[in-house]
Amino acid sequence: MARLGTYIVDHDHAKLEALLAVITRIRGDQPPAQTLLGVAALALPDMLFEVDALAVRP
């Protein structure tokens, strides 16, 4: 994965820690470049996060 963008509704420190734990579990000590944006709402009322990822295949 080359880049990761994450949008989180009502972003707080606990949600950041949970996100980083998942990324670390998947990518280990080499996480992709990433942007995290706290937002008021997403497309549907029950959506809490949205991920935009760019992967590069060799």
Protein backbone atom coordinates (compact mmCIF):
# COMPACT_ATOMS: atom_id res chain seq x y z
CA MET A 1 0.00 0.00 0.00
CA ALA A 2 1.45 3.34 -1.00
CA ARG A 3 -0.98 5.76 0.68
CA LEU A 4 -3.82 5.62 3.16
CA GLY A 5 -6.39 8.31 3.89
CA THR A 6 -8.84 7.87 6.76
CA TYR A 7 -11.87 9.99 7.63
CA ILE A 8 -13.18 9.49 11.19
CA VAL A 9 -16.44 10.90 12.58
CA ASP A 10 -15.93 12.70 15.92
CA HIS A 11 -12.21 11.92 15.96
CA ASP A 12 -10.59 11.47 19.35
CA HIS A 13 -7.45 9.95 20.86
CA ALA A 14 -9.05 6.53 21.48
CA LYS A 15 -10.09 6.20 17.83
CA LEU A 16 -6.59 7.22 16.72
CA GLU A 17 -5.04 4.51 18.93
CA ALA A 18 -7.44 1.88 17.54
CA LEU A 19 -6.62 2.88 13.96
CA LEU A 20 -2.87 2.81 14.59
CA ALA A 21 -3.15 -0.64 16.21
CA VAL A 22 -4.82 -2.05 13.08
CA ILE A 23 -2.32 -0.41 10.72
CA THR A 24 0.59 -1.69 12.82
CA ARG A 25 -0.88 -5.20 12.84
CA ILE A 26 -1.17 -5.16 9.05
CA ARG A 27 1.97 -3.26 8.06
CA GLY A 28 4.30 -3.75 11.02
CA ASP A 29 6.95 -1.09 11.42
CA GLN A 30 6.60 0.17 7.82
CA PRO A 31 3.25 1.98 7.67
CA PRO A 32 2.19 3.71 4.45
CA ALA A 33 2.08 7.46 4.10
CA GLN A 34 -1.23 8.45 5.63
CA THR A 35 -3.62 11.28 6.31
CA LEU A 36 -6.20 11.24 9.10
CA LEU A 37 -9.06 13.71 9.00
CA GLY A 38 -11.71 14.19 11.67
CA VAL A 39 -15.10 14.93 10.10
CA ALA A 40 -18.57 15.83 11.39
CA ALA A 41 -20.36 13.20 9.26
CA LEU A 42 -19.96 10.85 6.30
CA ALA A 43 -22.30 9.76 3.49
CA LEU A 44 -24.62 7.60 5.64
CA PRO A 45 -25.75 8.32 9.21
CA ASP A 46 -24.27 5.09 10.66
CA MET A 47 -20.86 5.41 8.98
CA LEU A 48 -18.11 6.07 11.53
CA PHE A 49 -15.06 5.93 9.25
CA GLU A 50 -14.07 5.81 5.61
CA VAL A 51 -10.76 4.61 4.19
CA ASP A 52 -9.22 5.74 0.91
CA ALA A 53 -6.25 3.57 -0.05
CA LEU A 54 -3.84 3.63 -2.96
CA ALA A 55 -1.99 0.40 -3.64
CA VAL A 56 0.85 -0.07 -6.10
CA ARG A 57 1.56 -3.38 -7.71
CA PRO A 58 5.13 -4.14 -8.75
